[in-house]
Amino acid sequence: MNKDDFTGIAEWKQIQGWFDIYQTVAIQQIVKQLLPGSEFFKLGSFQGCSSFALTSAIPAYCVLYSVDRFAGSQARKKWNLASSHLLD
Protein backbone atom coordinates (compact mmCIF):
# COMPACT_ATOMS: atom_id res chain seq x y z
CA MET A 1 0.00 0.00 0.00
CA ASN A 2 1.14 3.51 -0.70
CA LYS A 3 -0.54 6.88 -0.32
CA ASP A 4 -1.42 6.91 -4.04
CA ASP A 5 -3.87 4.06 -3.33
CA PHE A 6 -5.91 6.47 -1.22
CA THR A 7 -8.16 9.05 -2.85
CA GLY A 8 -8.47 12.20 -0.70
CA ILE A 9 -5.77 11.36 1.84
CA ALA A 10 -4.85 14.96 2.68
CA GLU A 11 -8.42 15.90 3.58
CA TRP A 12 -9.10 12.58 5.33
CA LYS A 13 -6.17 13.07 7.72
CA GLN A 14 -7.87 16.17 9.11
CA ILE A 15 -11.05 14.33 10.19
CA GLN A 16 -11.20 12.61 13.56
CA GLY A 17 -12.51 9.08 13.23
CA TRP A 18 -12.17 5.37 13.81
CA PHE A 19 -10.95 4.27 10.37
CA ASP A 20 -7.21 3.79 10.00
CA ILE A 21 -5.34 4.15 6.71
CA TYR A 22 -5.42 0.40 5.97
CA GLN A 23 -9.16 0.07 6.50
CA THR A 24 -9.73 3.16 4.39
CA VAL A 25 -7.68 1.94 1.43
CA ALA A 26 -9.42 -1.45 1.62
CA ILE A 27 -12.93 0.06 1.63
CA GLN A 28 -12.02 2.44 -1.18
CA GLN A 29 -10.82 -0.46 -3.32
CA ILE A 30 -14.24 -2.10 -2.90
CA VAL A 31 -16.21 1.11 -3.48
CA LYS A 32 -14.27 1.93 -6.66
CA GLN A 33 -15.71 -1.28 -8.16
CA LEU A 34 -19.34 -0.14 -7.82
CA LEU A 35 -21.22 0.45 -11.03
CA PRO A 36 -22.16 4.05 -11.85
CA GLY A 37 -25.56 4.82 -10.36
CA SER A 38 -25.18 2.37 -7.46
CA GLU A 39 -26.74 3.22 -4.11
CA PHE A 40 -25.42 2.05 -0.76
CA PHE A 41 -25.97 2.69 2.94
CA LYS A 42 -23.59 3.35 5.78
CA LEU A 43 -24.69 3.01 9.39
CA GLY A 44 -23.10 5.40 11.88
CA SER A 45 -21.07 8.52 11.21
CA PHE A 46 -19.28 9.92 14.28
CA GLN A 47 -17.17 12.67 12.64
CA GLY A 48 -17.63 11.51 9.04
CA CYS A 49 -14.13 10.09 8.50
CA SER A 50 -15.26 6.84 6.86
CA SER A 51 -18.07 8.63 4.99
CA PHE A 52 -15.52 11.00 3.50
CA ALA A 53 -13.28 8.09 2.54
CA LEU A 54 -16.22 6.40 0.79
CA THR A 55 -17.45 9.47 -1.06
CA SER A 56 -13.91 10.33 -2.17
CA ALA A 57 -13.78 7.09 -4.13
CA ILE A 58 -17.29 6.34 -5.40
CA PRO A 59 -17.89 6.26 -9.14
CA ALA A 60 -19.99 8.90 -10.89
CA TYR A 61 -23.66 9.15 -10.06
CA CYS A 62 -23.46 6.82 -7.05
CA VAL A 63 -25.33 7.71 -3.88
CA LEU A 64 -24.25 7.10 -0.29
CA TYR A 65 -26.98 7.20 2.34
CA SER A 66 -25.53 7.80 5.78
CA VAL A 67 -27.82 6.73 8.61
CA ASP A 68 -27.13 8.03 12.11
CA ARG A 69 -29.05 9.57 14.98
CA PHE A 70 -26.57 12.46 14.89
CA ALA A 71 -27.37 12.99 18.55
CA GLY A 72 -24.03 12.54 20.27
CA SER A 73 -23.31 13.77 23.77
CA GLN A 74 -23.69 17.39 24.87
CA ALA A 75 -19.91 17.60 25.25
CA ARG A 76 -19.41 16.30 21.70
CA LYS A 77 -21.98 18.76 20.33
CA LYS A 78 -20.18 21.67 21.99
CA TRP A 79 -16.84 20.43 20.69
CA ASN A 80 -18.23 20.03 17.14
CA LEU A 81 -19.66 23.54 17.11
CA ALA A 82 -16.51 25.08 18.57
CA SER A 83 -14.16 23.28 16.19
CA SER A 84 -16.31 24.06 13.12
CA HIS A 85 -16.53 27.79 13.97
CA LEU A 86 -20.17 27.74 12.81
CA LEU A 87 -21.19 30.07 15.61
CA ASP A 88 -18.37 32.61 15.12
C-alpha atoms as a PDB file:
ATOM      1  CA  MET A   1       0.000   0.000   0.000  1.00  0.00           C
ATOM      2  CA  ASN A   2       1.140   3.510  -0.697  1.00  0.00           C
ATOM      3  CA  LYS A   3      -0.536   6.879  -0.321  1.00  0.00           C
ATOM      4  CA  ASP A   4      -1.419   6.907  -4.037  1.00  0.00           C
ATOM      5  CA  ASP A   5      -3.869   4.063  -3.328  1.00  0.00           C
ATOM      6  CA  PHE A   6      -5.910   6.470  -1.216  1.00  0.00           C
ATOM      7  CA  THR A   7      -8.159   9.053  -2.848  1.00  0.00           C
ATOM      8  CA  GLY A   8      -8.475  12.204  -0.703  1.00  0.00           C
ATOM      9  CA  ILE A   9      -5.767  11.355   1.836  1.00  0.00           C
ATOM     10  CA  ALA A  10      -4.851  14.964   2.678  1.00  0.00           C
ATOM     11  CA  GLU A  11      -8.416  15.901   3.581  1.00  0.00           C
ATOM     12  CA  TRP A  12      -9.102  12.578   5.326  1.00  0.00           C
ATOM     13  CA  LYS A  13      -6.167  13.066   7.717  1.00  0.00           C
ATOM     14  CA  GLN A  14      -7.874  16.174   9.106  1.00  0.00           C
ATOM     15  CA  ILE A  15     -11.049  14.334  10.189  1.00  0.00           C
ATOM     16  CA  GLN A  16     -11.202  12.606  13.561  1.00  0.00           C
ATOM     17  CA  GLY A  17     -12.511   9.084  13.226  1.00  0.00           C
ATOM     18  CA  TRP A  18     -12.168   5.367  13.814  1.00  0.00           C
ATOM     19  CA  PHE A  19     -10.950   4.273  10.366  1.00  0.00           C
ATOM     20  CA  ASP A  20      -7.211   3.794   9.996  1.00  0.00           C
ATOM     21  CA  ILE A  21      -5.336   4.149   6.708  1.00  0.00           C
ATOM     22  CA  TYR A  22      -5.417   0.397   5.970  1.00  0.00           C
ATOM     23  CA  GLN A  23      -9.159   0.069   6.497  1.00  0.00           C
ATOM     24  CA  THR A  24      -9.729   3.159   4.386  1.00  0.00           C
ATOM     25  CA  VAL A  25      -7.678   1.941   1.435  1.00  0.00           C
ATOM     26  CA  ALA A  26      -9.419  -1.450   1.622  1.00  0.00           C
ATOM     27  CA  ILE A  27     -12.932   0.060   1.633  1.00  0.00           C
ATOM     28  CA  GLN A  28     -12.024   2.439  -1.181  1.00  0.00           C
ATOM     29  CA  GLN A  29     -10.819  -0.458  -3.319  1.00  0.00           C
ATOM     30  CA  ILE A  30     -14.236  -2.095  -2.897  1.00  0.00           C
ATOM     31  CA  VAL A  31     -16.215   1.105  -3.482  1.00  0.00           C
ATOM     32  CA  LYS A  32     -14.269   1.926  -6.663  1.00  0.00           C
ATOM     33  CA  GLN A  33     -15.708  -1.283  -8.165  1.00  0.00           C
ATOM     34  CA  LEU A  34     -19.335  -0.140  -7.824  1.00  0.00           C
ATOM     35  CA  LEU A  35     -21.220   0.453 -11.033  1.00  0.00           C
ATOM     36  CA  PRO A  36     -22.157   4.055 -11.847  1.00  0.00           C
ATOM     37  CA  GLY A  37     -25.561   4.818 -10.358  1.00  0.00           C
ATOM     38  CA  SER A  38     -25.178   2.372  -7.462  1.00  0.00           C
ATOM     39  CA  GLU A  39     -26.738   3.220  -4.114  1.00  0.00           C
ATOM     40  CA  PHE A  40     -25.415   2.051  -0.760  1.00  0.00           C
ATOM     41  CA  PHE A  41     -25.968   2.686   2.940  1.00  0.00           C
ATOM     42  CA  LYS A  42     -23.589   3.350   5.784  1.00  0.00           C
ATOM     43  CA  LEU A  43     -24.693   3.005   9.390  1.00  0.00           C
ATOM     44  CA  GLY A  44     -23.098   5.402  11.884  1.00  0.00           C
ATOM     45  CA  SER A  45     -21.067   8.517  11.210  1.00  0.00           C
ATOM     46  CA  PHE A  46     -19.278   9.915  14.284  1.00  0.00           C
ATOM     47  CA  GLN A  47     -17.166  12.666  12.643  1.00  0.00           C
ATOM     48  CA  GLY A  48     -17.626  11.508   9.038  1.00  0.00           C
ATOM     49  CA  CYS A  49     -14.131  10.086   8.505  1.00  0.00           C
ATOM     50  CA  SER A  50     -15.264   6.844   6.864  1.00  0.00           C
ATOM     51  CA  SER A  51     -18.075   8.630   4.991  1.00  0.00           C
ATOM     52  CA  PHE A  52     -15.517  11.001   3.502  1.00  0.00           C
ATOM     53  CA  ALA A  53     -13.282   8.086   2.541  1.00  0.00           C
ATOM     54  CA  LEU A  54     -16.220   6.402   0.793  1.00  0.00           C
ATOM     55  CA  THR A  55     -17.454   9.466  -1.062  1.00  0.00           C
ATOM     56  CA  SER A  56     -13.914  10.328  -2.167  1.00  0.00           C
ATOM     57  CA  ALA A  57     -13.781   7.091  -4.128  1.00  0.00           C
ATOM     58  CA  ILE A  58     -17.293   6.336  -5.400  1.00  0.00           C
ATOM     59  CA  PRO A  59     -17.885   6.261  -9.145  1.00  0.00           C
ATOM     60  CA  ALA A  60     -19.987   8.904 -10.889  1.00  0.00           C
ATOM     61  CA  TYR A  61     -23.660   9.149 -10.059  1.00  0.00           C
ATOM     62  CA  CYS A  62     -23.460   6.819  -7.047  1.00  0.00           C
ATOM     63  CA  VAL A  63     -25.335   7.712  -3.877  1.00  0.00           C
ATOM     64  CA  LEU A  64     -24.247   7.101  -0.290  1.00  0.00           C
ATOM     65  CA  TYR A  65     -26.983   7.203   2.340  1.00  0.00           C
ATOM     66  CA  SER A  66     -25.533   7.802   5.782  1.00  0.00           C
ATOM     67  CA  VAL A  67     -27.817   6.730   8.609  1.00  0.00           C
ATOM     68  CA  ASP A  68     -27.131   8.029  12.105  1.00  0.00           C
ATOM     69  CA  ARG A  69     -29.045   9.569  14.980  1.00  0.00           C
ATOM     70  CA  PHE A  70     -26.565  12.462  14.886  1.00  0.00           C
ATOM     71  CA  ALA A  71     -27.375  12.988  18.546  1.00  0.00           C
ATOM     72  CA  GLY A  72     -24.027  12.541  20.273  1.00  0.00           C
ATOM     73  CA  SER A  73     -23.311  13.772  23.773  1.00  0.00           C
ATOM     74  CA  GLN A  74     -23.686  17.392  24.866  1.00  0.00           C
ATOM     75  CA  ALA A  75     -19.905  17.604  25.253  1.00  0.00           C
ATOM     76  CA  ARG A  76     -19.407  16.303  21.702  1.00  0.00           C
ATOM     77  CA  LYS A  77     -21.983  18.761  20.325  1.00  0.00           C
ATOM     78  CA  LYS A  78     -20.176  21.673  21.992  1.00  0.00           C
ATOM     79  CA  TRP A  79     -16.836  20.431  20.685  1.00  0.00           C
ATOM     80  CA  ASN A  80     -18.227  20.030  17.141  1.00  0.00           C
ATOM     81  CA  LEU A  81     -19.655  23.545  17.112  1.00  0.00           C
ATOM     82  CA  ALA A  82     -16.514  25.078  18.574  1.00  0.00           C
ATOM     83  CA  SER A  83     -14.160  23.281  16.190  1.00  0.00           C
ATOM     84  CA  SER A  84     -16.308  24.057  13.123  1.00  0.00           C
ATOM     85  CA  HIS A  85     -16.531  27.792  13.970  1.00  0.00           C
ATOM     86  CA  LEU A  86     -20.166  27.744  12.805  1.00  0.00           C
ATOM     87  CA  LEU A  87     -21.190  30.066  15.611  1.00  0.00           C
ATOM     88  CA  ASP A  88     -18.370  32.605  15.116  1.00  0.00           C
END
